[in-house]
Protein backbone atom coordinates (compact mmCIF):
# COMPACT_ATOMS: atom_id res chain seq x y z
CA UNK A 1 0.00 0.00 0.00
CA UNK A 2 1.15 3.47 -0.82
CA UNK A 3 1.67 5.91 1.96
CA UNK A 4 -0.94 8.65 2.15
CA UNK A 5 -0.16 12.19 3.12
CA UNK A 6 -1.39 13.08 6.58
CA UNK A 7 -2.17 16.62 7.67
CA UNK A 8 -0.73 16.17 11.10
CA UNK A 9 -3.99 17.12 12.84
CA UNK A 10 -4.34 15.07 16.05
CA UNK A 11 -7.83 13.85 15.06
CA UNK A 12 -6.68 12.38 11.76
CA UNK A 13 -5.40 8.82 11.61
CA UNK A 14 -2.55 7.65 9.47
CA UNK A 15 -4.83 6.25 6.77
CA UNK A 16 -6.38 9.70 6.12
CA UNK A 17 -9.75 9.12 7.79
CA UNK A 18 -10.83 11.51 10.51
CA UNK A 19 -10.72 9.93 13.90
CA UNK A 20 -13.78 10.22 16.07
CA UNK A 21 -13.67 12.86 18.77
CA UNK A 22 -12.80 11.62 22.18
CA UNK A 23 -15.46 12.04 24.91
CA UNK A 24 -13.72 15.06 26.55
CA UNK A 25 -13.57 16.85 23.18
CA UNK A 26 -17.25 16.16 22.54
CA UNK A 27 -18.15 17.41 26.01
CA UNK A 28 -16.09 20.54 25.42
CA UNK A 29 -17.85 21.18 22.10
CA UNK A 30 -21.25 20.62 23.74
CA UNK A 31 -20.29 22.98 26.58
CA UNK A 32 -19.21 25.70 24.15
CA UNK A 33 -22.43 25.36 22.15
CA UNK A 34 -24.45 25.51 25.37
CA UNK A 35 -22.58 28.60 26.58
CA UNK A 36 -23.07 30.32 23.24
CA UNK A 37 -26.80 29.55 23.32
CA UNK A 38 -27.10 30.90 26.87
CA UNK A 39 -25.19 34.06 25.91
CA UNK A 40 -27.52 34.65 22.95
CA UNK A 41 -30.56 34.07 25.16
CA UNK A 42 -29.26 36.58 27.73
CA UNK A 43 -28.71 39.21 25.05
CA UNK A 44 -32.23 38.68 23.66
CA UNK A 45 -33.77 38.86 27.13
CA UNK A 46 -31.82 42.01 27.95
CA UNK A 47 -32.97 43.69 24.75
CA UNK A 48 -36.55 42.59 25.44
CA UNK A 49 -36.35 43.87 29.03
CA UNK A 50 -35.15 47.29 27.90
CA UNK A 51 -38.08 47.53 25.52
CA UNK A 52 -40.56 46.20 28.10
CA UNK A 53 -39.67 47.74 31.43
CA UNK A 54 -42.66 46.18 33.17
CA UNK A 55 -43.61 49.15 35.31
CA UNK A 56 -47.27 50.00 35.90
CA UNK A 57 -47.36 52.70 33.27
CA UNK A 58 -46.02 50.70 30.34
CA UNK A 59 -47.62 47.88 28.45
CA UNK A 60 -46.58 46.39 25.11
CA UNK A 61 -44.07 47.37 22.48
CA UNK A 62 -45.43 50.23 20.43
CA UNK A 63 -46.79 52.00 23.48
CA UNK A 64 -45.46 55.04 25.20
CA UNK A 65 -44.13 54.29 28.69
CA UNK A 66 -44.69 57.12 31.17
CA UNK A 67 -42.08 57.23 33.93
CA UNK A 68 -42.95 60.16 36.24
CA UNK A 69 -45.08 61.21 37.95
CA UNK A 70 -46.31 57.73 38.85
CA UNK A 71 -50.01 56.84 38.76
CA UNK A 72 -51.78 58.40 41.75
CA UNK A 73 -48.66 60.16 43.01
CA UNK A 74 -49.11 63.16 45.31
CA UNK A 75 -46.60 65.86 44.36
CA UNK A 76 -45.14 68.47 46.68
CA UNK A 77 -43.65 70.63 43.91
CA UNK A 78 -44.42 71.34 40.28
CA UNK A 79 -44.15 68.10 38.33
CA UNK A 80 -41.34 67.09 36.04
CA UNK A 81 -42.89 64.86 33.39
CA UNK A 82 -40.70 62.02 32.12
CA UNK A 83 -41.38 59.24 29.61
CA UNK A 84 -39.35 56.70 27.66
CA UNK A 85 -38.31 57.52 24.12
CA UNK A 86 -40.22 55.99 21.24
CA UNK A 87 -37.96 54.78 18.41
CA UNK A 88 -37.89 57.22 15.49
CA UNK A 89 -40.16 59.74 17.27
CA UNK A 90 -39.88 63.24 15.86
CA UNK A 91 -41.97 65.06 18.47
CA UNK A 92 -43.98 64.47 21.61
CA UNK A 93 -47.13 66.30 22.71
CA UNK A 94 -47.64 66.45 26.47
CA UNK A 95 -50.99 67.43 27.95
CA UNK A 96 -52.07 67.89 31.55
CA UNK A 97 -55.82 67.92 32.05
CA UNK A 98 -58.00 68.64 35.06
CA UNK A 99 -60.81 66.50 36.45
CA UNK A 100 -63.23 67.81 33.81
CA UNK A 101 -60.86 67.10 30.92
CA UNK A 102 -59.88 70.74 30.46
CA UNK A 103 -56.31 71.25 29.30
CA UNK A 104 -54.31 73.14 31.94
CA UNK A 105 -50.92 72.69 30.29
CA UNK A 106 -49.76 71.52 26.88
CA UNK A 107 -46.45 71.57 25.06
CA UNK A 108 -44.66 69.99 22.10
CA UNK A 109 -41.05 68.86 22.42
CA UNK A 110 -38.46 66.54 20.91
CA UNK A 111 -37.24 65.66 24.42
CA UNK A 112 -38.60 63.06 26.87
CA UNK A 113 -38.62 65.37 29.89
CA UNK A 114 -40.70 68.49 30.52
CA UNK A 115 -40.51 70.81 33.48
CA UNK A 116 -43.65 72.92 33.75
CA UNK A 117 -43.19 76.67 34.12
CA UNK A 118 -43.25 78.23 37.60
CA UNK A 119 -46.19 80.37 36.47
CA UNK A 120 -48.46 77.29 36.28
CA UNK A 121 -50.64 76.99 39.37
CA UNK A 122 -51.95 73.51 40.13
CA UNK A 123 -54.67 73.28 42.79
CA UNK A 124 -54.38 70.61 45.50
CA UNK A 125 -58.14 69.96 45.35
CA UNK A 126 -58.05 68.97 41.67
CA UNK A 127 -57.24 65.49 40.40
CA UNK A 128 -55.03 65.93 37.34
CA UNK A 129 -54.13 63.48 34.60
CA UNK A 130 -51.29 63.59 32.11
CA UNK A 131 -50.57 61.85 28.85
CA UNK A 132 -48.18 62.02 25.92
CA UNK A 133 -48.61 61.49 22.21
CA UNK A 134 -45.52 60.58 20.12
CA UNK A 135 -45.34 61.39 16.41
CA UNK A 136 -42.78 59.43 14.36
CA UNK A 137 -41.04 60.48 11.16
CA UNK A 138 -43.15 57.88 9.34
CA UNK A 139 -46.37 59.60 10.42
CA UNK A 140 -47.29 57.06 13.11
CA UNK A 141 -48.88 58.43 16.29
CA UNK A 142 -48.54 56.53 19.58
CA UNK A 143 -50.60 57.62 22.57
CA UNK A 144 -49.87 56.83 26.22
CA UNK A 145 -52.52 56.02 28.80
CA UNK A 146 -53.82 58.80 31.06
CA UNK A 147 -51.94 58.85 34.36
CA UNK A 148 -53.56 60.52 37.41
CA UNK A 149 -51.66 62.64 39.94
CA UNK A 150 -52.46 65.24 42.57
CA UNK A 151 -50.74 68.16 44.19
CA UNK A 152 -50.30 68.13 47.97
CA UNK A 153 -52.02 70.65 50.21
CA UNK A 154 -49.80 73.60 51.21
């Protein structure tokens, strides 16, 4: 028989056929595949968690998550309204309404935080609600739920 050329790889036998992996090598390959799968799963879950924070004011993807003030919160100073950014949003419309639905404050911004002006007077006997509407570059409008809050008594 003529001698065959051998690559010199440890898993190749002298006759040119690949040798079967030894059990430790197979376990190592399985472990690496398992670790890679777990790493991918963790990345996917992290991305999903960022998009679905799970607080009381957010629901599904495609909704606008309001961060502060929290539902039913009693405020001791003028509110700072905060919400999570909507992907590709061009502008946001914030409205604060009184118990009768009358608009007491409204503004349009590209930011996700609004500090109301000091000139705005909010009465402690009124139950207010706030909401935001996001407008994307593609013309899609996403509306948040109404979130109630109150001002404390002086």
